[in-house]
Amino acid sequence: MAFYEDRVEHFGGTLVLFKRNLAVAVPNAKSHRKQAWYMRLKIGGRKGYITRSTKLTTYEDAYEYAKNELLRLQHAAKLGHSLDDYTFEKHWNDWFERNKKNGTWTESRQYWHEKYAARYFKPYFQNKDGTSVLLNEITPTIAAAYWDWRITYWASDEGVRLQKYNPKRRGAKTSSTNNAKKAPAAKTLLMEQSALNQIFYDAFERGRMQQVFKMRAPTKNNKPTRRAGFDAEEYNTLTRYLRSYRDCVGVFADKRLNAWHKLQRQQMYYFVLFLANSGLRVGEAREMIWADVKTDVAVEGSDSVIAEVRVSKVHALITFGTRLHRVSAVDRAILRHQVA
């Protein structure tokens, strides 16, 4: 029994439309949907044929689609572009491995790309059946719709399910994951914009996409999701509670605390105040060593002195005044232990 049915040739065999004989192709299936037309294309200078489904059941529609694909691929071949179908996921994996091998990113940046692709990029650029979308099927309209999907992701059914259950917290008191922001910050969207533009431009350069476009993250009417900082009242409350926590008094009093617990509380006290007054992020502070801090640095034209904090990893320089850096030798030892 023949595999091809209703075979129709066009342009001297360069374009062939046919249907699969499902009794041969899928012999164990009990029933089948209406058969779709397949196309077989012969592109000059390329060995073999390109055979794909048009996903259309009407012959006239399938012919128009196949003819447009033939012209597109012939034009791509003249320009030296790849004729192989690359999905978004296939190209991302190739792009990621190349950058990883070349040492383009730091370890933290590499981790960011991997996690954001798994959580957002790959799930969005996929079909309803879970397969990844072909790069040439991604239009500027589809790409632009990513932002609406992304901004409302954690309010969607999938996002809510993920927040309610986190498999990494099995056996913990709570299994929820509520640390994800309901609406991403503008800075986060800009980082995603940069990554996606790099991915698509790389695909275009390698001939895997026939068009290139720039994704632009929305900036207007985007409410900030991060607080700019503490006001005076909040800072006073923070320091007051930190002192109580350090000294084990008030609501933080506990007779069961041993010397190690008290030392940890002192470390937390100094570490939080250091972050609040220097502006460093937690990750930046954890990369510091004691040699990065210089105390009693004279200020030109003034009698005051400051402390200089250098963060080599991000090439940042942070200075703050005498009130914050005048600590005892014991205090310095505790701070050194925390940030080393």
C-alpha atoms as a PDB file:
ATOM      1  CA  MET A   1       0.000   0.000   0.000  1.00  0.00           C
ATOM      2  CA  ALA A   2       1.495   3.386  -1.000  1.00  0.00           C
ATOM      3  CA  PHE A   3       2.587   5.902   1.603  1.00  0.00           C
ATOM      4  CA  TYR A   4       1.648   8.901  -0.614  1.00  0.00           C
ATOM      5  CA  GLU A   5      -1.957   9.646  -1.515  1.00  0.00           C
ATOM      6  CA  ASP A   6      -3.484  12.315  -3.792  1.00  0.00           C
ATOM      7  CA  ARG A   7      -0.019  13.307  -5.002  1.00  0.00           C
ATOM      8  CA  VAL A   8       0.038  16.542  -7.057  1.00  0.00           C
ATOM      9  CA  GLU A   9       3.199  17.932  -8.686  1.00  0.00           C
ATOM     10  CA  HIS A  10       3.889  21.598  -9.495  1.00  0.00           C
ATOM     11  CA  PHE A  11       6.763  23.388 -11.228  1.00  0.00           C
ATOM     12  CA  GLY A  12       8.191  20.217 -12.713  1.00  0.00           C
ATOM     13  CA  GLY A  13       8.328  18.371  -9.389  1.00  0.00           C
ATOM     14  CA  THR A  14       9.945  21.217  -7.445  1.00  0.00           C
ATOM     15  CA  LEU A  15       6.776  21.389  -5.342  1.00  0.00           C
ATOM     16  CA  VAL A  16       4.795  18.270  -4.532  1.00  0.00           C
ATOM     17  CA  LEU A  17       1.646  18.197  -2.424  1.00  0.00           C
ATOM     18  CA  PHE A  18       0.426  14.905  -1.019  1.00  0.00           C
ATOM     19  CA  LYS A  19      -1.417  13.263   1.836  1.00  0.00           C
ATOM     20  CA  ARG A  20      -0.061  10.489   3.978  1.00  0.00           C
ATOM     21  CA  ASN A  21      -1.721   7.098   3.869  1.00  0.00           C
ATOM     22  CA  LEU A  22      -2.559   6.908   7.548  1.00  0.00           C
ATOM     23  CA  ALA A  23      -3.201   3.179   7.390  1.00  0.00           C
ATOM     24  CA  VAL A  24       0.512   2.821   6.593  1.00  0.00           C
ATOM     25  CA  ALA A  25       1.909   5.745   8.612  1.00  0.00           C
ATOM     26  CA  VAL A  26      -0.102   5.075  11.798  1.00  0.00           C
ATOM     27  CA  PRO A  27      -1.460   1.535  11.452  1.00  0.00           C
ATOM     28  CA  ASN A  28      -2.522   1.083  15.102  1.00  0.00           C
ATOM     29  CA  ALA A  29      -4.642   4.234  15.334  1.00  0.00           C
ATOM     30  CA  LYS A  30      -8.367   3.522  15.747  1.00  0.00           C
ATOM     31  CA  SER A  31      -9.504   6.774  14.157  1.00  0.00           C
ATOM     32  CA  HIS A  32      -7.973   9.818  12.456  1.00  0.00           C
ATOM     33  CA  ARG A  33      -8.811  13.460  11.985  1.00  0.00           C
ATOM     34  CA  LYS A  34      -9.274  14.926   8.555  1.00  0.00           C
ATOM     35  CA  GLN A  35      -6.000  14.521   6.704  1.00  0.00           C
ATOM     36  CA  ALA A  36      -3.710  17.519   6.241  1.00  0.00           C
ATOM     37  CA  TRP A  37      -1.726  18.183   3.089  1.00  0.00           C
ATOM     38  CA  TYR A  38       2.048  17.725   3.141  1.00  0.00           C
ATOM     39  CA  MET A  39       4.547  19.514   0.916  1.00  0.00           C
ATOM     40  CA  ARG A  40       7.813  18.242  -0.524  1.00  0.00           C
ATOM     41  CA  LEU A  41      10.134  20.988  -1.746  1.00  0.00           C
ATOM     42  CA  LYS A  42      13.268  20.773  -3.854  1.00  0.00           C
ATOM     43  CA  ILE A  43      15.636  23.710  -3.314  1.00  0.00           C
ATOM     44  CA  GLY A  44      18.438  24.236  -5.835  1.00  0.00           C
ATOM     45  CA  GLY A  45      21.911  23.553  -4.444  1.00  0.00           C
ATOM     46  CA  ARG A  46      20.589  21.440  -1.579  1.00  0.00           C
ATOM     47  CA  LYS A  47      20.732  17.650  -1.435  1.00  0.00           C
ATOM     48  CA  GLY A  48      17.474  15.861  -0.797  1.00  0.00           C
ATOM     49  CA  TYR A  49      14.031  17.279  -0.196  1.00  0.00           C
ATOM     50  CA  ILE A  50      12.382  19.385   2.477  1.00  0.00           C
ATOM     51  CA  THR A  51       9.214  17.628   3.601  1.00  0.00           C
ATOM     52  CA  ARG A  52       6.840  19.319   6.011  1.00  0.00           C
ATOM     53  CA  SER A  53       3.179  19.420   6.889  1.00  0.00           C
ATOM     54  CA  THR A  54       1.210  22.455   5.779  1.00  0.00           C
ATOM     55  CA  LYS A  55      -1.233  21.774   8.659  1.00  0.00           C
ATOM     56  CA  LEU A  56      -4.020  22.657   6.224  1.00  0.00           C
ATOM     57  CA  THR A  57      -6.769  20.316   5.045  1.00  0.00           C
ATOM     58  CA  THR A  58      -8.045  22.376   2.099  1.00  0.00           C
ATOM     59  CA  TYR A  59      -6.003  21.855  -1.079  1.00  0.00           C
ATOM     60  CA  GLU A  60      -6.162  25.455  -2.307  1.00  0.00           C
ATOM     61  CA  ASP A  61      -4.982  26.821   1.042  1.00  0.00           C
ATOM     62  CA  ALA A  62      -2.219  24.215   1.254  1.00  0.00           C
ATOM     63  CA  TYR A  63      -1.021  25.075  -2.263  1.00  0.00           C
ATOM     64  CA  GLU A  64      -0.760  28.800  -1.508  1.00  0.00           C
ATOM     65  CA  TYR A  65       1.096  28.104   1.718  1.00  0.00           C
ATOM     66  CA  ALA A  66       3.494  25.654   0.035  1.00  0.00           C
ATOM     67  CA  LYS A  67       4.169  28.038  -2.847  1.00  0.00           C
ATOM     68  CA  ASN A  68       5.038  30.862  -0.436  1.00  0.00           C
ATOM     69  CA  GLU A  69       7.312  28.542   1.520  1.00  0.00           C
ATOM     70  CA  LEU A  70       9.065  27.483  -1.689  1.00  0.00           C
ATOM     71  CA  LEU A  71       9.735  31.110  -2.652  1.00  0.00           C
ATOM     72  CA  ARG A  72      10.877  31.992   0.851  1.00  0.00           C
ATOM     73  CA  LEU A  73      13.315  29.085   1.060  1.00  0.00           C
ATOM     74  CA  GLN A  74      14.658  29.714  -2.442  1.00  0.00           C
ATOM     75  CA  HIS A  75      15.347  33.324  -1.457  1.00  0.00           C
ATOM     76  CA  ALA A  76      16.953  32.187   1.829  1.00  0.00           C
ATOM     77  CA  ALA A  77      19.208  29.770  -0.085  1.00  0.00           C
ATOM     78  CA  LYS A  78      20.429  32.603  -2.338  1.00  0.00           C
ATOM     79  CA  LEU A  79      21.328  34.654   0.744  1.00  0.00           C
ATOM     80  CA  GLY A  80      23.180  31.727   2.279  1.00  0.00           C
ATOM     81  CA  HIS A  81      20.742  31.311   5.171  1.00  0.00           C
ATOM     82  CA  SER A  82      20.046  28.037   6.917  1.00  0.00           C
ATOM     83  CA  LEU A  83      17.094  26.124   5.469  1.00  0.00           C
ATOM     84  CA  ASP A  84      16.760  23.846   8.471  1.00  0.00           C
ATOM     85  CA  ASP A  85      13.859  24.512  10.774  1.00  0.00           C
ATOM     86  CA  TYR A  86      15.127  25.867  14.056  1.00  0.00           C
ATOM     87  CA  THR A  87      12.771  26.112  16.990  1.00  0.00           C
ATOM     88  CA  PHE A  88      13.212  28.756  19.658  1.00  0.00           C
ATOM     89  CA  GLU A  89      14.326  26.141  22.179  1.00  0.00           C
ATOM     90  CA  LYS A  90      16.803  24.508  19.798  1.00  0.00           C
ATOM     91  CA  HIS A  91      18.397  27.838  18.953  1.00  0.00           C
ATOM     92  CA  TRP A  92      18.439  28.994  22.596  1.00  0.00           C
ATOM     93  CA  ASN A  93      20.237  25.800  23.652  1.00  0.00           C
ATOM     94  CA  ASP A  94      22.839  26.329  20.929  1.00  0.00           C
ATOM     95  CA  TRP A  95      23.211  30.044  21.772  1.00  0.00           C
ATOM     96  CA  PHE A  96      23.528  29.315  25.504  1.00  0.00           C
ATOM     97  CA  GLU A  97      26.148  26.582  25.067  1.00  0.00           C
ATOM     98  CA  ARG A  98      28.257  28.762  22.756  1.00  0.00           C
ATOM     99  CA  ASN A  99      28.308  31.652  25.213  1.00  0.00           C
ATOM    100  CA  LYS A 100      28.948  29.304  28.106  1.00  0.00           C
ATOM    101  CA  LYS A 101      31.884  27.680  26.297  1.00  0.00           C
ATOM    102  CA  ASN A 102      33.340  31.061  25.296  1.00  0.00           C
ATOM    103  CA  GLY A 103      33.202  32.349  28.873  1.00  0.00           C
ATOM    104  CA  THR A 104      30.997  35.302  27.897  1.00  0.00           C
ATOM    105  CA  TRP A 105      29.205  35.463  31.248  1.00  0.00           C
ATOM    106  CA  THR A 106      30.059  35.311  34.894  1.00  0.00           C
ATOM    107  CA  GLU A 107      28.709  32.347  36.811  1.00  0.00           C
ATOM    108  CA  SER A 108      25.837  34.406  38.233  1.00  0.00           C
ATOM    109  CA  ARG A 109      24.853  35.746  34.782  1.00  0.00           C
ATOM    110  CA  GLN A 110      24.951  32.257  33.311  1.00  0.00           C
ATOM    111  CA  TYR A 111      22.635  31.101  36.112  1.00  0.00           C
ATOM    112  CA  TRP A 112      20.268  33.999  35.372  1.00  0.00           C
ATOM    113  CA  HIS A 113      19.997  33.121  31.664  1.00  0.00           C
ATOM    114  CA  GLU A 114      19.359  29.464  32.426  1.00  0.00           C
ATOM    115  CA  LYS A 115      16.647  30.090  35.011  1.00  0.00           C
ATOM    116  CA  TYR A 116      14.825  32.849  33.134  1.00  0.00           C
ATOM    117  CA  ALA A 117      14.761  30.813  29.928  1.00  0.00           C
ATOM    118  CA  ALA A 118      13.316  27.821  31.773  1.00  0.00           C
ATOM    119  CA  ARG A 119      10.699  29.885  33.621  1.00  0.00           C
ATOM    120  CA  TYR A 120       9.644  32.470  31.032  1.00  0.00           C
ATOM    121  CA  PHE A 121      11.239  32.370  27.552  1.00  0.00           C
ATOM    122  CA  LYS A 122      10.736  28.715  26.615  1.00  0.00           C
ATOM    123  CA  PRO A 123       7.197  28.402  28.057  1.00  0.00           C
ATOM    124  CA  TYR A 124       6.028  31.480  26.156  1.00  0.00           C
ATOM    125  CA  PHE A 125       7.557  30.589  22.793  1.00  0.00           C
ATOM    126  CA  GLN A 126       5.919  27.203  22.528  1.00  0.00           C
ATOM    127  CA  ASN A 127       2.838  25.717  20.891  1.00  0.00           C
ATOM    128  CA  LYS A 128      -0.248  24.518  22.700  1.00  0.00           C
ATOM    129  CA  ASP A 129       0.992  20.937  22.481  1.00  0.00           C
ATOM    130  CA  GLY A 130       4.164  21.873  24.349  1.00  0.00           C
ATOM    131  CA  THR A 131       6.512  21.835  21.357  1.00  0.00           C
ATOM    132  CA  SER A 132       8.748  24.838  20.782  1.00  0.00           C
ATOM    133  CA  VAL A 133       7.702  27.414  18.172  1.00  0.00           C
ATOM    134  CA  LEU A 134       9.688  27.639  14.943  1.00  0.00           C
ATOM    135  CA  LEU A 135      11.809  30.778  14.820  1.00  0.00           C
ATOM    136  CA  ASN A 136      10.319  31.825  11.476  1.00  0.00           C
ATOM    137  CA  GLU A 137       6.830  31.620  12.973  1.00  0.00           C
ATOM    138  CA  ILE A 138       7.681  34.255  15.590  1.00  0.00           C
ATOM    139  CA  THR A 139       6.357  37.541  14.250  1.00  0.00           C
ATOM    140  CA  PRO A 140       6.854  40.999  15.813  1.00  0.00           C
ATOM    141  CA  THR A 141       3.233  40.788  17.024  1.00  0.00           C
ATOM    142  CA  ILE A 142       3.833  37.477  18.802  1.00  0.00           C
ATOM    143  CA  ALA A 143       7.056  38.789  20.314  1.00  0.00           C
ATOM    144  CA  ALA A 144       5.432  42.016  21.526  1.00  0.00           C
ATOM    145  CA  ALA A 145       2.658  40.060  23.257  1.00  0.00           C
ATOM    146  CA  TYR A 146       5.310  38.500  25.500  1.00  0.00           C
ATOM    147  CA  TRP A 147       5.268  41.527  27.786  1.00  0.00           C
ATOM    148  CA  ASP A 148       1.560  41.313  28.617  1.00  0.00           C
ATOM    149  CA  TRP A 149       1.981  37.586  29.312  1.00  0.00           C
ATOM    150  CA  ARG A 150       5.087  38.162  31.405  1.00  0.00           C
ATOM    151  CA  ILE A 151       3.708  41.001  33.543  1.00  0.00           C
ATOM    152  CA  THR A 152       0.607  38.989  34.476  1.00  0.00           C
ATOM    153  CA  TYR A 153       2.401  35.630  34.752  1.00  0.00           C
ATOM    154  CA  TRP A 154       2.284  35.297  38.537  1.00  0.00           C
ATOM    155  CA  ALA A 155      -1.412  36.186  38.558  1.00  0.00           C
ATOM    156  CA  SER A 156      -2.218  33.475  35.983  1.00  0.00           C
ATOM    157  CA  ASP A 157      -3.381  29.974  36.898  1.00  0.00           C
ATOM    158  CA  GLU A 158       0.088  28.546  36.296  1.00  0.00           C
ATOM    159  CA  GLY A 159       1.766  31.238  38.360  1.00  0.00           C
ATOM    160  CA  VAL A 160      -0.652  30.769  41.254  1.00  0.00           C
ATOM    161  CA  ARG A 161      -0.040  27.007  41.234  1.00  0.00           C
ATOM    162  CA  LEU A 162       3.714  27.541  41.352  1.00  0.00           C
ATOM    163  CA  GLN A 163       3.401  29.904  44.308  1.00  0.00           C
ATOM    164  CA  LYS A 164       1.277  27.445  46.251  1.00  0.00           C
ATOM    165  CA  TYR A 165       3.678  24.564  45.845  1.00  0.00           C
ATOM    166  CA  ASN A 166       7.430  24.371  45.674  1.00  0.00           C
ATOM    167  CA  PRO A 167       8.885  20.835  45.383  1.00  0.00           C
ATOM    168  CA  LYS A 168      12.202  22.072  46.810  1.00  0.00           C
ATOM    169  CA  ARG A 169      10.477  22.739  50.143  1.00  0.00           C
ATOM    170  CA  ARG A 170       9.224  19.201  50.808  1.00  0.00           C
ATOM    171  CA  GLY A 171       9.097  18.582  54.523  1.00  0.00           C
ATOM    172  CA  ALA A 172       9.286  22.278  55.412  1.00  0.00           C
ATOM    173  CA  LYS A 173       6.706  24.013  57.598  1.00  0.00           C
ATOM    174  CA  THR A 174       5.317  25.696  54.487  1.00  0.00           C
ATOM    175  CA  SER A 175       5.515  24.562  50.871  1.00  0.00           C
ATOM    176  CA  SER A 176       4.535  27.855  49.254  1.00  0.00           C
ATOM    177  CA  THR A 177       6.751  30.064  47.104  1.00  0.00           C
ATOM    178  CA  ASN A 178       5.614  33.601  47.798  1.00  0.00           C
ATOM    179  CA  ASN A 179       8.905  35.392  47.161  1.00  0.00           C
ATOM    180  CA  ALA A 180       8.129  36.060  43.479  1.00  0.00           C
ATOM    181  CA  LYS A 181       7.047  39.605  42.690  1.00  0.00           C
ATOM    182  CA  LYS A 182       3.459  39.861  41.465  1.00  0.00           C
ATOM    183  CA  ALA A 183       4.557  42.431  38.889  1.00  0.00           C
ATOM    184  CA  PRO A 184       8.172  42.442  37.652  1.00  0.00           C
ATOM    185  CA  ALA A 185      10.269  45.550  38.206  1.00  0.00           C
ATOM    186  CA  ALA A 186      11.145  47.734  35.228  1.00  0.00           C
ATOM    187  CA  LYS A 187      14.809  46.757  35.600  1.00  0.00           C
ATOM    188  CA  THR A 188      13.890  43.063  35.393  1.00  0.00           C
ATOM    189  CA  LEU A 189      11.946  43.607  32.175  1.00  0.00           C
ATOM    190  CA  LEU A 190      14.878  45.517  30.670  1.00  0.00           C
ATOM    191  CA  MET A 191      17.197  42.615  31.469  1.00  0.00           C
ATOM    192  CA  GLU A 192      14.810  40.218  29.757  1.00  0.00           C
ATOM    193  CA  GLN A 193      14.529  42.593  26.793  1.00  0.00           C
ATOM    194  CA  SER A 194      18.304  42.609  26.391  1.00  0.00           C
ATOM    195  CA  ALA A 195      18.525  38.806  26.564  1.00  0.00           C
ATOM    196  CA  LEU A 196      15.720  38.213  24.041  1.00  0.00           C
ATOM    197  CA  ASN A 197      17.142  40.740  21.585  1.00  0.00           C
ATOM    198  CA  GLN A 198      20.517  39.001  21.776  1.00  0.00           C
ATOM    199  CA  ILE A 199      18.868  35.631  21.137  1.00  0.00           C
ATOM    200  CA  PHE A 200      16.857  36.791  18.116  1.00  0.00           C
ATOM    201  CA  TYR A 201      19.691  38.790  16.578  1.00  0.00           C
ATOM    202  CA  ASP A 202      22.017  35.815  16.895  1.00  0.00           C
ATOM    203  CA  ALA A 203      19.401  33.668  15.129  1.00  0.00           C
ATOM    204  CA  PHE A 204      19.131  36.221  12.321  1.00  0.00           C
ATOM    205  CA  GLU A 205      22.907  36.435  11.922  1.00  0.00           C
ATOM    206  CA  ARG A 206      23.106  32.654  11.571  1.00  0.00           C
ATOM    207  CA  GLY A 207      20.361  32.559   8.956  1.00  0.00           C
ATOM    208  CA  ARG A 208      17.870  30.823  11.211  1.00  0.00           C
ATOM    209  CA  MET A 209      15.353  33.680  11.062  1.00  0.00           C
ATOM    210  CA  GLN A 210      14.292  35.529   7.934  1.00  0.00           C
ATOM    211  CA  GLN A 211      13.491  38.754   9.775  1.00  0.00           C
ATOM    212  CA  VAL A 212      14.911  40.577  12.748  1.00  0.00           C
ATOM    213  CA  PHE A 213      13.053  42.797  15.174  1.00  0.00           C
ATOM    214  CA  LYS A 214      13.732  44.516  18.464  1.00  0.00           C
ATOM    215  CA  MET A 215      11.710  43.775  21.533  1.00  0.00           C
ATOM    216  CA  ARG A 216      10.939  46.769  23.725  1.00  0.00           C
ATOM    217  CA  ALA A 217       9.848  46.336  27.316  1.00  0.00           C
ATOM    218  CA  PRO A 218       6.981  48.604  28.414  1.00  0.00           C
ATOM    219  CA  THR A 219       8.053  51.579  30.508  1.00  0.00           C
ATOM    220  CA  LYS A 220       4.926  53.746  30.812  1.00  0.00           C
ATOM    221  CA  ASN A 221       2.413  53.153  33.603  1.00  0.00           C
ATOM    222  CA  ASN A 222       4.747  50.593  35.121  1.00  0.00           C
ATOM    223  CA  LYS A 223       4.350  50.984  38.864  1.00  0.00           C
ATOM    224  CA  PRO A 224       7.588  50.508  40.793  1.00  0.00           C
ATOM    225  CA  THR A 225       7.598  47.287  42.785  1.00  0.00           C
ATOM    226  CA  ARG A 226      10.684  48.067  44.852  1.00  0.00           C
ATOM    227  CA  ARG A 227      10.891  50.661  47.580  1.00  0.00           C
ATOM    228  CA  ALA A 228      13.485  53.378  47.026  1.00  0.00           C
ATOM    229  CA  GLY A 229      14.693  53.156  50.629  1.00  0.00           C
ATOM    230  CA  PHE A 230      13.838  53.790  54.281  1.00  0.00           C
ATOM    231  CA  ASP A 231      12.441  57.069  55.493  1.00  0.00           C
ATOM    232  CA  ALA A 232      13.624  58.476  58.836  1.00  0.00           C
ATOM    233  CA  GLU A 233      10.871  56.833  60.879  1.00  0.00           C
ATOM    234  CA  GLU A 234      11.398  53.436  59.251  1.00  0.00           C
ATOM    235  CA  TYR A 235      15.157  53.644  59.756  1.00  0.00           C
ATOM    236  CA  ASN A 236      14.738  54.497  63.448  1.00  0.00           C
ATOM    237  CA  THR A 237      12.351  51.566  63.856  1.00  0.00           C
ATOM    238  CA  LEU A 238      14.800  49.259  62.119  1.00  0.00           C
ATOM    239  CA  THR A 239      17.758  50.280  64.280  1.00  0.00           C
ATOM    240  CA  ARG A 240      15.703  50.150  67.483  1.00  0.00           C
ATOM    241  CA  TYR A 241      14.505  46.621  66.796  1.00  0.00           C
ATOM    242  CA  LEU A 242      17.984  45.546  65.699  1.00  0.00           C
ATOM    243  CA  ARG A 243      19.448  46.732  68.997  1.00  0.00           C
ATOM    244  CA  SER A 244      16.771  44.842  70.907  1.00  0.00           C
ATOM    245  CA  TYR A 245      17.484  41.764  68.814  1.00  0.00           C
ATOM    246  CA  ARG A 246      21.248  42.100  69.420  1.00  0.00           C
ATOM    247  CA  ASP A 247      20.891  42.640  73.177  1.00  0.00           C
ATOM    248  CA  CYS A 248      18.171  39.956  73.576  1.00  0.00           C
ATOM    249  CA  VAL A 249      15.708  42.323  75.264  1.00  0.00           C
ATOM    250  CA  GLY A 250      12.068  43.268  74.770  1.00  0.00           C
ATOM    251  CA  VAL A 251      10.140  41.112  72.302  1.00  0.00           C
ATOM    252  CA  PHE A 252      13.417  39.331  71.423  1.00  0.00           C
ATOM    253  CA  ALA A 253      14.229  38.247  74.966  1.00  0.00           C
ATOM    254  CA  ASP A 254      14.858  34.517  75.235  1.00  0.00           C
ATOM    255  CA  LYS A 255      16.437  32.678  78.181  1.00  0.00           C
ATOM    256  CA  ARG A 256      17.310  29.699  75.979  1.00  0.00           C
ATOM    257  CA  LEU A 257      19.921  31.576  73.938  1.00  0.00           C
ATOM    258  CA  ASN A 258      23.495  30.366  74.279  1.00  0.00           C
ATOM    259  CA  ALA A 259      26.718  32.241  73.470  1.00  0.00           C
ATOM    260  CA  TRP A 260      26.686  31.117  69.799  1.00  0.00           C
ATOM    261  CA  HIS A 261      23.132  32.399  69.268  1.00  0.00           C
ATOM    262  CA  LYS A 262      24.055  35.743  70.803  1.00  0.00           C
ATOM    263  CA  LEU A 263      27.086  36.017  68.524  1.00  0.00           C
ATOM    264  CA  GLN A 264      24.877  35.358  65.481  1.00  0.00           C
ATOM    265  CA  ARG A 265      22.522  38.099  66.585  1.00  0.00           C
ATOM    266  CA  GLN A 266      25.429  40.542  66.852  1.00  0.00           C
ATOM    267  CA  GLN A 267      26.591  39.551  63.388  1.00  0.00           C
ATOM    268  CA  MET A 268      23.107  40.129  61.979  1.00  0.00           C
ATOM    269  CA  TYR A 269      22.917  43.532  63.673  1.00  0.00           C
ATOM    270  CA  TYR A 270      26.152  44.776  62.089  1.00  0.00           C
ATOM    271  CA  PHE A 271      25.488  43.200  58.718  1.00  0.00           C
ATOM    272  CA  VAL A 272      22.015  44.735  58.280  1.00  0.00           C
ATOM    273  CA  LEU A 273      23.209  48.183  59.344  1.00  0.00           C
ATOM    274  CA  PHE A 274      26.187  47.901  57.005  1.00  0.00           C
ATOM    275  CA  LEU A 275      23.870  47.113  54.072  1.00  0.00           C
ATOM    276  CA  ALA A 276      21.381  49.839  54.976  1.00  0.00           C
ATOM    277  CA  ASN A 277      24.036  52.550  55.197  1.00  0.00           C
ATOM    278  CA  SER A 278      26.347  51.515  52.372  1.00  0.00           C
ATOM    279  CA  GLY A 279      23.725  50.663  49.754  1.00  0.00           C
ATOM    280  CA  LEU A 280      25.377  47.337  48.929  1.00  0.00           C
ATOM    281  CA  ARG A 281      23.310  44.364  47.874  1.00  0.00           C
ATOM    282  CA  VAL A 282      23.551  41.166  49.883  1.00  0.00           C
ATOM    283  CA  GLY A 283      25.413  39.348  47.107  1.00  0.00           C
ATOM    284  CA  GLU A 284      27.918  42.192  46.758  1.00  0.00           C
ATOM    285  CA  ALA A 285      28.580  42.306  50.483  1.00  0.00           C
ATOM    286  CA  ARG A 286      29.142  38.559  50.643  1.00  0.00           C
ATOM    287  CA  GLU A 287      31.906  38.895  48.036  1.00  0.00           C
ATOM    288  CA  MET A 288      33.818  41.399  50.160  1.00  0.00           C
ATOM    289  CA  ILE A 289      36.961  40.786  52.139  1.00  0.00           C
ATOM    290  CA  TRP A 290      38.272  42.917  54.988  1.00  0.00           C
ATOM    291  CA  ALA A 291      40.924  44.457  52.740  1.00  0.00           C
ATOM    292  CA  ASP A 292      38.118  46.121  50.748  1.00  0.00           C
ATOM    293  CA  VAL A 293      37.337  48.430  53.692  1.00  0.00           C
ATOM    294  CA  LYS A 294      39.507  51.443  54.551  1.00  0.00           C
ATOM    295  CA  THR A 295      38.647  53.410  57.688  1.00  0.00           C
ATOM    296  CA  ASP A 296      39.611  56.921  58.780  1.00  0.00           C
ATOM    297  CA  VAL A 297      40.044  58.203  55.224  1.00  0.00           C
ATOM    298  CA  ALA A 298      40.546  61.989  55.313  1.00  0.00           C
ATOM    299  CA  VAL A 299      38.201  64.163  53.273  1.00  0.00           C
ATOM    300  CA  GLU A 300      40.004  66.936  51.414  1.00  0.00           C
ATOM    301  CA  GLY A 301      39.003  70.374  52.670  1.00  0.00           C
ATOM    302  CA  SER A 302      37.245  68.979  55.749  1.00  0.00           C
ATOM    303  CA  ASP A 303      38.108  67.809  59.259  1.00  0.00           C
ATOM    304  CA  SER A 304      35.832  64.772  58.977  1.00  0.00           C
ATOM    305  CA  VAL A 305      36.919  61.308  57.997  1.00  0.00           C
ATOM    306  CA  ILE A 306      35.059  58.611  56.125  1.00  0.00           C
ATOM    307  CA  ALA A 307      35.259  54.903  55.474  1.00  0.00           C
ATOM    308  CA  GLU A 308      35.791  53.664  51.937  1.00  0.00           C
ATOM    309  CA  VAL A 309      34.239  50.396  50.820  1.00  0.00           C
ATOM    310  CA  ARG A 310      35.479  48.924  47.557  1.00  0.00           C
ATOM    311  CA  VAL A 311      33.592  46.100  45.883  1.00  0.00           C
ATOM    312  CA  SER A 312      35.972  44.589  43.357  1.00  0.00           C
ATOM    313  CA  LYS A 313      33.378  42.393  41.689  1.00  0.00           C
ATOM    314  CA  VAL A 314      31.255  45.296  40.471  1.00  0.00           C
ATOM    315  CA  HIS A 315      33.992  47.975  40.540  1.00  0.00           C
ATOM    316  CA  ALA A 316      31.940  50.086  42.911  1.00  0.00           C
ATOM    317  CA  LEU A 317      33.143  52.593  45.493  1.00  0.00           C
ATOM    318  CA  ILE A 318      30.938  53.474  48.430  1.00  0.00           C
ATOM    319  CA  THR A 319      31.810  55.965  51.155  1.00  0.00           C
ATOM    320  CA  PHE A 320      30.069  56.787  54.377  1.00  0.00           C
ATOM    321  CA  GLY A 321      30.761  59.004  57.375  1.00  0.00           C
ATOM    322  CA  THR A 322      32.381  58.660  60.758  1.00  0.00           C
ATOM    323  CA  ARG A 323      29.181  57.831  62.658  1.00  0.00           C
ATOM    324  CA  LEU A 324      28.959  54.524  60.851  1.00  0.00           C
ATOM    325  CA  HIS A 325      32.548  53.344  60.687  1.00  0.00           C
ATOM    326  CA  ARG A 326      33.742  54.052  64.232  1.00  0.00           C
ATOM    327  CA  VAL A 327      33.487  50.596  65.793  1.00  0.00           C
ATOM    328  CA  SER A 328      35.622  48.798  68.338  1.00  0.00           C
ATOM    329  CA  ALA A 329      38.185  46.118  67.543  1.00  0.00           C
ATOM    330  CA  VAL A 330      35.733  43.437  68.716  1.00  0.00           C
ATOM    331  CA  ASP A 331      33.004  44.857  66.481  1.00  0.00           C
ATOM    332  CA  ARG A 332      35.386  44.881  63.507  1.00  0.00           C
ATOM    333  CA  ALA A 333      36.252  41.232  64.114  1.00  0.00           C
ATOM    334  CA  ILE A 334      32.567  40.330  64.129  1.00  0.00           C
ATOM    335  CA  LEU A 335      31.917  42.286  60.930  1.00  0.00           C
ATOM    336  CA  ARG A 336      34.983  40.725  59.291  1.00  0.00           C
ATOM    337  CA  HIS A 337      33.663  37.252  60.121  1.00  0.00           C
ATOM    338  CA  GLN A 338      30.306  38.069  58.525  1.00  0.00           C
ATOM    339  CA  VAL A 339      31.496  39.600  55.231  1.00  0.00           C
ATOM    340  CA  ALA A 340      34.612  37.534  54.563  1.00  0.00           C
END
